Amino acid sequence: DRGGWPKNVDTTARPYSGADRAKDLAPTFDNGAT
């Protein structure tokens, strides 16, 4: 919701299907994320 992406997740393979976006999608600039 803030605009960034989480790290250590393959964001390309399949759609996000979790229930807790705030926890699962904590945005960061680490490891190439965002």
Full PDB file with SEQRES, HELIX, SHEET, SSBOND, CRYST1, ORIGX, SCALE, CONECT and MASTER records, all heavy atoms in Angstrom:
SEQRES   1 A   34  ASP ARG GLY GLY TRP PRO LYS ASN VAL ASP THR THR ALA          
SEQRES   2 A   34  ARG PRO TYR SER GLY ALA ASP ARG ALA LYS ASP LEU ALA          
SEQRES   3 A   34  PRO THR PHE ASP ASN GLY ALA THR                              
HELIX    1 AA1 ARG A   21  ASP A   24  1                                   4    
HELIX    2 AA2 ASP A   30  GLY A   32  5                                   3    
CRYST1    1.000    1.000    1.000  90.00  90.00  90.00 P 1           1          
ORIGX1      1.000000  0.000000  0.000000        0.00000                         
ORIGX2      0.000000  1.000000  0.000000        0.00000                         
ORIGX3      0.000000  0.000000  1.000000        0.00000                         
SCALE1      1.000000  0.000000  0.000000        0.00000                         
SCALE2      0.000000  1.000000  0.000000        0.00000                         
SCALE3      0.000000  0.000000  1.000000        0.00000                         
ATOM      1  N   ASP A   1       0.821  -1.203   0.000  1.00  0.00           N  
ATOM      2  CA  ASP A   1       0.000   0.000   0.000  1.00  0.00           C  
ATOM      3  C   ASP A   1       0.863   1.264   0.000  1.00  0.00           C  
ATOM      4  O   ASP A   1       0.429   2.309  -0.484  1.00  0.00           O  
ATOM      5  CB  ASP A   1      -0.936  -0.007   1.210  1.00  0.00           C  
ATOM      6  CG  ASP A   1      -1.973  -1.120   1.131  1.00  0.00           C  
ATOM      7  OD1 ASP A   1      -2.214  -1.619   0.019  1.00  0.00           O  
ATOM      8  OD2 ASP A   1      -2.521  -1.497   2.187  1.00  0.00           O  
ATOM      9  N   ARG A   2       2.079   1.153   0.525  1.00  0.00           N  
ATOM     10  CA  ARG A   2       2.975   2.315   0.559  1.00  0.00           C  
ATOM     11  C   ARG A   2       3.638   2.559  -0.788  1.00  0.00           C  
ATOM     12  O   ARG A   2       4.082   3.656  -1.074  1.00  0.00           O  
ATOM     13  CB  ARG A   2       4.040   2.135   1.643  1.00  0.00           C  
ATOM     14  CG  ARG A   2       3.462   2.143   3.053  1.00  0.00           C  
ATOM     15  CD  ARG A   2       4.582   2.159   4.078  1.00  0.00           C  
ATOM     16  NE  ARG A   2       4.057   2.163   5.433  1.00  0.00           N  
ATOM     17  CZ  ARG A   2       3.655   3.246   6.083  1.00  0.00           C  
ATOM     18  NH1 ARG A   2       3.731   4.423   5.499  1.00  0.00           N  
ATOM     19  NH2 ARG A   2       3.193   3.156   7.326  1.00  0.00           N  
ATOM     20  N   GLY A   3       3.762   1.494  -1.588  1.00  0.00           N  
ATOM     21  CA  GLY A   3       4.334   1.676  -2.923  1.00  0.00           C  
ATOM     22  C   GLY A   3       5.512   0.796  -3.244  1.00  0.00           C  
ATOM     23  O   GLY A   3       5.892   0.668  -4.410  1.00  0.00           O  
ATOM     24  N   GLY A   4       6.149   0.187  -2.213  1.00  0.00           N  
ATOM     25  CA  GLY A   4       7.306  -0.668  -2.449  1.00  0.00           C  
ATOM     26  C   GLY A   4       6.942  -2.140  -2.478  1.00  0.00           C  
ATOM     27  O   GLY A   4       5.763  -2.516  -2.423  1.00  0.00           O  
ATOM     28  N   TRP A   5       7.974  -2.977  -2.558  1.00  0.00           N  
ATOM     29  CA  TRP A   5       7.791  -4.427  -2.626  1.00  0.00           C  
ATOM     30  C   TRP A   5       8.607  -5.124  -1.543  1.00  0.00           C  
ATOM     31  O   TRP A   5       9.614  -4.577  -1.068  1.00  0.00           O  
ATOM     32  CB  TRP A   5       8.233  -4.942  -3.992  1.00  0.00           C  
ATOM     33  CG  TRP A   5       7.228  -4.773  -5.079  1.00  0.00           C  
ATOM     34  CD1 TRP A   5       6.349  -5.708  -5.547  1.00  0.00           C  
ATOM     35  CD2 TRP A   5       6.978  -3.590  -5.852  1.00  0.00           C  
ATOM     36  NE1 TRP A   5       5.574  -5.189  -6.559  1.00  0.00           N  
ATOM     37  CE2 TRP A   5       5.939  -3.886  -6.771  1.00  0.00           C  
ATOM     38  CE3 TRP A   5       7.523  -2.311  -5.863  1.00  0.00           C  
ATOM     39  CZ2 TRP A   5       5.444  -2.959  -7.678  1.00  0.00           C  
ATOM     40  CZ3 TRP A   5       7.037  -1.369  -6.755  1.00  0.00           C  
ATOM     41  CH2 TRP A   5       6.008  -1.700  -7.657  1.00  0.00           C  
ATOM     42  N   PRO A   6       8.221  -6.337  -1.148  1.00  0.00           N  
ATOM     43  CA  PRO A   6       8.982  -7.092  -0.140  1.00  0.00           C  
ATOM     44  C   PRO A   6      10.229  -7.722  -0.744  1.00  0.00           C  
ATOM     45  O   PRO A   6      10.357  -7.840  -1.965  1.00  0.00           O  
ATOM     46  CB  PRO A   6       7.979  -8.171   0.304  1.00  0.00           C  
ATOM     47  CG  PRO A   6       7.162  -8.420  -0.927  1.00  0.00           C  
ATOM     48  CD  PRO A   6       7.022  -7.066  -1.598  1.00  0.00           C  
ATOM     49  N   LYS A   7      11.143  -8.168   0.111  1.00  0.00           N  
ATOM     50  CA  LYS A   7      12.356  -8.818  -0.372  1.00  0.00           C  
ATOM     51  C   LYS A   7      12.248 -10.337  -0.248  1.00  0.00           C  
ATOM     52  O   LYS A   7      11.398 -10.871   0.475  1.00  0.00           O  
ATOM     53  CB  LYS A   7      13.579  -8.326   0.405  1.00  0.00           C  
ATOM     54  CG  LYS A   7      13.643  -8.772   1.864  1.00  0.00           C  
ATOM     55  CD  LYS A   7      14.955  -8.326   2.484  1.00  0.00           C  
ATOM     56  CE  LYS A   7      15.046  -8.765   3.949  1.00  0.00           C  
ATOM     57  NZ  LYS A   7      16.346  -8.399   4.551  1.00  0.00           N  
ATOM     58  N   ASN A   8      13.143 -11.010  -0.965  1.00  0.00           N  
ATOM     59  CA  ASN A   8      13.262 -12.468  -0.916  1.00  0.00           C  
ATOM     60  C   ASN A   8      11.961 -13.173  -1.274  1.00  0.00           C  
ATOM     61  O   ASN A   8      11.637 -14.244  -0.755  1.00  0.00           O  
ATOM     62  CB  ASN A   8      13.749 -12.926   0.467  1.00  0.00           C  
ATOM     63  CG  ASN A   8      15.117 -12.352   0.808  1.00  0.00           C  
ATOM     64  OD1 ASN A   8      15.876 -11.993  -0.078  1.00  0.00           O  
ATOM     65  ND2 ASN A   8      15.413 -12.261   2.086  1.00  0.00           N  
ATOM     66  N   VAL A   9      11.191 -12.554  -2.158  1.00  0.00           N  
ATOM     67  CA  VAL A   9       9.949 -13.132  -2.671  1.00  0.00           C  
ATOM     68  C   VAL A   9       9.994 -13.028  -4.187  1.00  0.00           C  
ATOM     69  O   VAL A   9      10.307 -11.967  -4.721  1.00  0.00           O  
ATOM     70  CB  VAL A   9       8.714 -12.372  -2.134  1.00  0.00           C  
ATOM     71  CG1 VAL A   9       7.439 -12.914  -2.763  1.00  0.00           C  
ATOM     72  CG2 VAL A   9       8.640 -12.454  -0.614  1.00  0.00           C  
ATOM     73  N   ASP A  10       9.680 -14.115  -4.870  1.00  0.00           N  
ATOM     74  CA  ASP A  10       9.594 -14.044  -6.324  1.00  0.00           C  
ATOM     75  C   ASP A  10       8.246 -13.429  -6.679  1.00  0.00           C  
ATOM     76  O   ASP A  10       7.218 -14.095  -6.670  1.00  0.00           O  
ATOM     77  CB  ASP A  10       9.735 -15.420  -6.956  1.00  0.00           C  
ATOM     78  CG  ASP A  10       9.822 -15.345  -8.479  1.00  0.00           C  
ATOM     79  OD1 ASP A  10       9.562 -14.274  -9.041  1.00  0.00           O  
ATOM     80  OD2 ASP A  10      10.157 -16.371  -9.101  1.00  0.00           O  
ATOM     81  N   THR A  11       8.256 -12.145  -6.960  1.00  0.00           N  
ATOM     82  CA  THR A  11       7.015 -11.419  -7.228  1.00  0.00           C  
ATOM     83  C   THR A  11       6.507 -11.637  -8.649  1.00  0.00           C  
ATOM     84  O   THR A  11       5.493 -11.052  -9.041  1.00  0.00           O  
ATOM     85  CB  THR A  11       7.229  -9.913  -6.997  1.00  0.00           C  
ATOM     86  OG1 THR A  11       8.305  -9.445  -7.837  1.00  0.00           O  
ATOM     87  CG2 THR A  11       7.569  -9.636  -5.543  1.00  0.00           C  
ATOM     88  N   THR A  12       7.196 -12.498  -9.403  1.00  0.00           N  
ATOM     89  CA  THR A  12       6.822 -12.693 -10.807  1.00  0.00           C  
ATOM     90  C   THR A  12       6.134 -14.027 -11.075  1.00  0.00           C  
ATOM     91  O   THR A  12       5.467 -14.178 -12.091  1.00  0.00           O  
ATOM     92  CB  THR A  12       8.066 -12.625 -11.710  1.00  0.00           C  
ATOM     93  OG1 THR A  12       8.923 -13.763 -11.457  1.00  0.00           O  
ATOM     94  CG2 THR A  12       8.849 -11.354 -11.463  1.00  0.00           C  
ATOM     95  N   ALA A  13       6.299 -15.001 -10.196  1.00  0.00           N  
ATOM     96  CA  ALA A  13       5.893 -16.377 -10.518  1.00  0.00           C  
ATOM     97  C   ALA A  13       4.391 -16.604 -10.457  1.00  0.00           C  
ATOM     98  O   ALA A  13       3.824 -17.336 -11.264  1.00  0.00           O  
ATOM     99  CB  ALA A  13       6.602 -17.358  -9.585  1.00  0.00           C  
ATOM    100  N   ARG A  14       3.739 -15.989  -9.470  1.00  0.00           N  
ATOM    101  CA  ARG A  14       2.295 -16.189  -9.276  1.00  0.00           C  
ATOM    102  C   ARG A  14       1.738 -14.979  -8.539  1.00  0.00           C  
ATOM    103  O   ARG A  14       2.488 -14.256  -7.877  1.00  0.00           O  
ATOM    104  CB  ARG A  14       2.031 -17.467  -8.483  1.00  0.00           C  
ATOM    105  CG  ARG A  14       2.655 -17.482  -7.109  1.00  0.00           C  
ATOM    106  CD  ARG A  14       2.547 -18.841  -6.447  1.00  0.00           C  
ATOM    107  NE  ARG A  14       3.182 -19.878  -7.245  1.00  0.00           N  
ATOM    108  CZ  ARG A  14       4.495 -20.139  -7.203  1.00  0.00           C  
ATOM    109  NH1 ARG A  14       5.294 -19.422  -6.428  1.00  0.00           N  
ATOM    110  NH2 ARG A  14       5.009 -21.085  -7.955  1.00  0.00           N  
ATOM    111  N   PRO A  15       0.448 -14.744  -8.589  1.00  0.00           N  
ATOM    112  CA  PRO A  15      -0.129 -13.587  -7.889  1.00  0.00           C  
ATOM    113  C   PRO A  15      -0.047 -13.759  -6.381  1.00  0.00           C  
ATOM    114  O   PRO A  15      -0.038 -14.883  -5.864  1.00  0.00           O  
ATOM    115  CB  PRO A  15      -1.591 -13.588  -8.355  1.00  0.00           C  
ATOM    116  CG  PRO A  15      -1.646 -14.474  -9.543  1.00  0.00           C  
ATOM    117  CD  PRO A  15      -0.553 -15.476  -9.396  1.00  0.00           C  
ATOM    118  N   TYR A  16       0.014 -12.644  -5.684  1.00  0.00           N  
ATOM    119  CA  TYR A  16      -0.044 -12.682  -4.222  1.00  0.00           C  
ATOM    120  C   TYR A  16      -1.397 -13.220  -3.785  1.00  0.00           C  
ATOM    121  O   TYR A  16      -2.446 -12.787  -4.280  1.00  0.00           O  
ATOM    122  CB  TYR A  16       0.171 -11.283  -3.649  1.00  0.00           C  
ATOM    123  CG  TYR A  16      -0.059 -11.212  -2.155  1.00  0.00           C  
ATOM    124  CD1 TYR A  16       0.843 -11.805  -1.280  1.00  0.00           C  
ATOM    125  CD2 TYR A  16      -1.184 -10.575  -1.629  1.00  0.00           C  
ATOM    126  CE1 TYR A  16       0.636 -11.755   0.096  1.00  0.00           C  
ATOM    127  CE2 TYR A  16      -1.396 -10.521  -0.260  1.00  0.00           C  
ATOM    128  CZ  TYR A  16      -0.484 -11.120   0.593  1.00  0.00           C  
ATOM    129  OH  TYR A  16      -0.705 -11.076   1.946  1.00  0.00           O  
ATOM    130  N   SER A  17      -1.377 -14.165  -2.851  1.00  0.00           N  
ATOM    131  CA  SER A  17      -2.622 -14.789  -2.416  1.00  0.00           C  
ATOM    132  C   SER A  17      -2.767 -14.811  -0.905  1.00  0.00           C  
ATOM    133  O   SER A  17      -3.626 -15.507  -0.365  1.00  0.00           O  
ATOM    134  CB  SER A  17      -2.699 -16.232  -2.948  1.00  0.00           C  
ATOM    135  OG  SER A  17      -1.596 -16.993  -2.484  1.00  0.00           O  
ATOM    136  N   GLY A  18      -1.922 -14.071  -0.205  1.00  0.00           N  
ATOM    137  CA  GLY A  18      -1.992 -14.060   1.245  1.00  0.00           C  
ATOM    138  C   GLY A  18      -3.141 -13.212   1.764  1.00  0.00           C  
ATOM    139  O   GLY A  18      -3.854 -12.553   1.001  1.00  0.00           O  
ATOM    140  N   ALA A  19      -3.273 -13.235   3.094  1.00  0.00           N  
ATOM    141  CA  ALA A  19      -4.371 -12.515   3.729  1.00  0.00           C  
ATOM    142  C   ALA A  19      -3.901 -11.294   4.509  1.00  0.00           C  
ATOM    143  O   ALA A  19      -4.711 -10.434   4.854  1.00  0.00           O  
ATOM    144  CB  ALA A  19      -5.131 -13.458   4.669  1.00  0.00           C  
ATOM    145  N   ASP A  20      -2.599 -11.220   4.806  1.00  0.00           N  
ATOM    146  CA  ASP A  20      -2.081 -10.131   5.629  1.00  0.00           C  
ATOM    147  C   ASP A  20      -1.090  -9.310   4.814  1.00  0.00           C  
ATOM    148  O   ASP A  20       0.122  -9.512   4.879  1.00  0.00           O  
ATOM    149  CB  ASP A  20      -1.406 -10.700   6.878  1.00  0.00           C  
ATOM    150  CG  ASP A  20      -1.075  -9.628   7.915  1.00  0.00           C  
ATOM    151  OD1 ASP A  20      -1.049  -8.433   7.543  1.00  0.00           O  
ATOM    152  OD2 ASP A  20      -0.823  -9.987   9.078  1.00  0.00           O  
ATOM    153  N   ARG A  21      -1.590  -8.368   4.052  1.00  0.00           N  
ATOM    154  CA  ARG A  21      -0.734  -7.580   3.167  1.00  0.00           C  
ATOM    155  C   ARG A  21       0.293  -6.768   3.950  1.00  0.00           C  
ATOM    156  O   ARG A  21       1.445  -6.647   3.539  1.00  0.00           O  
ATOM    157  CB  ARG A  21      -1.583  -6.648   2.303  1.00  0.00           C  
ATOM    158  CG  ARG A  21      -2.457  -7.363   1.290  1.00  0.00           C  
ATOM    159  CD  ARG A  21      -3.208  -6.350   0.415  1.00  0.00           C  
ATOM    160  NE  ARG A  21      -2.308  -5.505  -0.341  1.00  0.00           N  
ATOM    161  CZ  ARG A  21      -1.765  -5.838  -1.507  1.00  0.00           C  
ATOM    162  NH1 ARG A  21      -2.044  -6.999  -2.059  1.00  0.00           N  
ATOM    163  NH2 ARG A  21      -0.949  -4.998  -2.141  1.00  0.00           N  
ATOM    164  N   ALA A  22      -0.110  -6.206   5.082  1.00  0.00           N  
ATOM    165  CA  ALA A  22       0.811  -5.371   5.860  1.00  0.00           C  
ATOM    166  C   ALA A  22       2.017  -6.174   6.328  1.00  0.00           C  
ATOM    167  O   ALA A  22       3.153  -5.678   6.334  1.00  0.00           O  
ATOM    168  CB  ALA A  22       0.082  -4.762   7.050  1.00  0.00           C  
ATOM    169  N   LYS A  23       1.808  -7.422   6.702  1.00  0.00           N  
ATOM    170  CA  LYS A  23       2.901  -8.269   7.177  1.00  0.00           C  
ATOM    171  C   LYS A  23       3.668  -8.887   6.020  1.00  0.00           C  
ATOM    172  O   LYS A  23       4.906  -8.869   6.001  1.00  0.00           O  
ATOM    173  CB  LYS A  23       2.346  -9.370   8.080  1.00  0.00           C  
ATOM    174  CG  LYS A  23       3.409 -10.331   8.600  1.00  0.00           C  
ATOM    175  CD  LYS A  23       2.778 -11.416   9.462  1.00  0.00           C  
ATOM    176  CE  LYS A  23       3.841 -12.406   9.942  1.00  0.00           C  
ATOM    177  NZ  LYS A  23       3.244 -13.487  10.764  1.00  0.00           N  
ATOM    178  N   ASP A  24       2.957  -9.443   5.069  1.00  0.00           N  
ATOM    179  CA  ASP A  24       3.597 -10.179   3.978  1.00  0.00           C  
ATOM    180  C   ASP A  24       4.323  -9.276   2.993  1.00  0.00           C  
ATOM    181  O   ASP A  24       5.312  -9.695   2.379  1.00  0.00           O  
ATOM    182  CB  ASP A  24       2.559 -10.994   3.207  1.00  0.00           C  
ATOM    183  CG  ASP A  24       1.893 -12.057   4.057  1.00  0.00           C  
ATOM    184  OD1 ASP A  24       2.455 -12.414   5.113  1.00  0.00           O  
ATOM    185  OD2 ASP A  24       0.802 -12.514   3.674  1.00  0.00           O  
ATOM    186  N   LEU A  25       3.829  -8.064   2.820  1.00  0.00           N  
ATOM    187  CA  LEU A  25       4.348  -7.188   1.773  1.00  0.00           C  
ATOM    188  C   LEU A  25       5.081  -5.977   2.344  1.00  0.00           C  
ATOM    189  O   LEU A  25       5.053  -4.896   1.766  1.00  0.00           O  
ATOM    190  CB  LEU A  25       3.205  -6.739   0.854  1.00  0.00           C  
ATOM    191  CG  LEU A  25       2.354  -7.855   0.245  1.00  0.00           C  
ATOM    192  CD1 LEU A  25       1.308  -7.272  -0.693  1.00  0.00           C  
ATOM    193  CD2 LEU A  25       3.221  -8.872  -0.484  1.00  0.00           C  
ATOM    194  N   ALA A  26       5.747  -6.162   3.483  1.00  0.00           N  
ATOM    195  CA  ALA A  26       6.509  -5.057   4.071  1.00  0.00           C  
ATOM    196  C   ALA A  26       7.561  -4.584   3.075  1.00  0.00           C  
ATOM    197  O   ALA A  26       8.471  -5.336   2.721  1.00  0.00           O  
ATOM    198  CB  ALA A  26       7.172  -5.517   5.361  1.00  0.00           C  
ATOM    199  N   PRO A  27       7.458  -3.364   2.586  1.00  0.00           N  
ATOM    200  CA  PRO A  27       8.358  -2.911   1.511  1.00  0.00           C  
ATOM    201  C   PRO A  27       9.758  -2.608   2.019  1.00  0.00           C  
ATOM    202  O   PRO A  27       9.956  -2.180   3.155  1.00  0.00           O  
ATOM    203  CB  PRO A  27       7.666  -1.650   1.000  1.00  0.00           C  
ATOM    204  CG  PRO A  27       6.922  -1.123   2.196  1.00  0.00           C  
ATOM    205  CD  PRO A  27       6.475  -2.345   2.958  1.00  0.00           C  
ATOM    206  N   THR A  28      10.739  -2.840   1.170  1.00  0.00           N  
ATOM    207  CA  THR A  28      12.134  -2.607   1.531  1.00  0.00           C  
ATOM    208  C   THR A  28      12.931  -2.314   0.273  1.00  0.00           C  
ATOM    209  O   THR A  28      12.459  -2.522  -0.849  1.00  0.00           O  
ATOM    210  CB  THR A  28      12.724  -3.838   2.243  1.00  0.00           C  
ATOM    211  OG1 THR A  28      14.093  -3.589   2.585  1.00  0.00           O  
ATOM    212  CG2 THR A  28      12.646  -5.075   1.367  1.00  0.00           C  
ATOM    213  N   PHE A  29      14.170  -1.827   0.485  1.00  0.00           N  
ATOM    214  CA  PHE A  29      15.095  -1.600  -0.619  1.00  0.00           C  
ATOM    215  C   PHE A  29      16.221  -2.637  -0.601  1.00  0.00           C  
ATOM    216  O   PHE A  29      17.150  -2.556  -1.398  1.00  0.00           O  
ATOM    217  CB  PHE A  29      15.696  -0.193  -0.535  1.00  0.00           C  
ATOM    218  CG  PHE A  29      14.658   0.889  -0.449  1.00  0.00           C  
ATOM    219  CD1 PHE A  29      14.652   1.791   0.605  1.00  0.00           C  
ATOM    220  CD2 PHE A  29      13.677   0.997  -1.417  1.00  0.00           C  
ATOM    221  CE1 PHE A  29      13.694   2.798   0.682  1.00  0.00           C  
ATOM    222  CE2 PHE A  29      12.713   1.995  -1.351  1.00  0.00           C  
ATOM    223  CZ  PHE A  29      12.719   2.890  -0.291  1.00  0.00           C  
ATOM    224  N   ASP A  30      16.139  -3.589   0.304  1.00  0.00           N  
ATOM    225  CA  ASP A  30      17.182  -4.589   0.470  1.00  0.00           C  
ATOM    226  C   ASP A  30      17.079  -5.667  -0.616  1.00  0.00           C  
ATOM    227  O   ASP A  30      15.984  -5.976  -1.100  1.00  0.00           O  
ATOM    228  CB  ASP A  30      17.053  -5.229   1.858  1.00  0.00           C  
ATOM    229  CG  ASP A  30      18.262  -6.051   2.252  1.00  0.00           C  
ATOM    230  OD1 ASP A  30      19.361  -5.752   1.760  1.00  0.00           O  
ATOM    231  OD2 ASP A  30      18.113  -6.976   3.071  1.00  0.00           O  
ATOM    232  N   ASN A  31      18.221  -6.247  -0.981  1.00  0.00           N  
ATOM    233  CA  ASN A  31      18.272  -7.374  -1.916  1.00  0.00           C  
ATOM    234  C   ASN A  31      17.600  -7.083  -3.260  1.00  0.00           C  
ATOM    235  O   ASN A  31      17.032  -7.975  -3.890  1.00  0.00           O  
ATOM    236  CB  ASN A  31      17.638  -8.619  -1.291  1.00  0.00           C  
ATOM    237  CG  ASN A  31      18.517  -9.225  -0.208  1.00  0.00           C  
ATOM    238  OD1 ASN A  31      19.563  -8.685   0.128  1.00  0.00           O  
ATOM    239  ND2 ASN A  31      18.092 -10.335   0.346  1.00  0.00           N  
ATOM    240  N   GLY A  32      17.627  -5.838  -3.693  1.00  0.00           N  
ATOM    241  CA  GLY A  32      17.064  -5.485  -4.993  1.00  0.00           C  
ATOM    242  C   GLY A  32      15.573  -5.274  -4.993  1.00  0.00           C  
ATOM    243  O   GLY A  32      14.991  -4.960  -6.047  1.00  0.00           O  
ATOM    244  N   ALA A  33      14.928  -5.445  -3.835  1.00  0.00           N  
ATOM    245  CA  ALA A  33      13.478  -5.269  -3.784  1.00  0.00           C  
ATOM    246  C   ALA A  33      13.106  -3.831  -4.121  1.00  0.00           C  
ATOM    247  O   ALA A  33      13.833  -2.889  -3.829  1.00  0.00           O  
ATOM    248  CB  ALA A  33      12.944  -5.629  -2.397  1.00  0.00           C  
ATOM    249  N   THR A  34      11.973  -3.650  -4.725  1.00  0.00           N  
ATOM    250  CA  THR A  34      11.368  -2.370  -5.126  1.00  0.00           C  
ATOM    251  C   THR A  34      12.002  -1.825  -6.410  1.00  0.00           C  
ATOM    252  O   THR A  34      11.288  -1.559  -7.378  1.00  0.00           O  
ATOM    253  CB  THR A  34      11.404  -1.324  -4.003  1.00  0.00           C  
ATOM    254  OG1 THR A  34      10.649  -1.815  -2.879  1.00  0.00           O  
ATOM    255  CG2 THR A  34      10.819   0.008  -4.449  1.00  0.00           C  
TER     256      THR A  34                                                      
MASTER        0    0    0    2    0    0    0    6  255    1    0    3          
END                                                                             
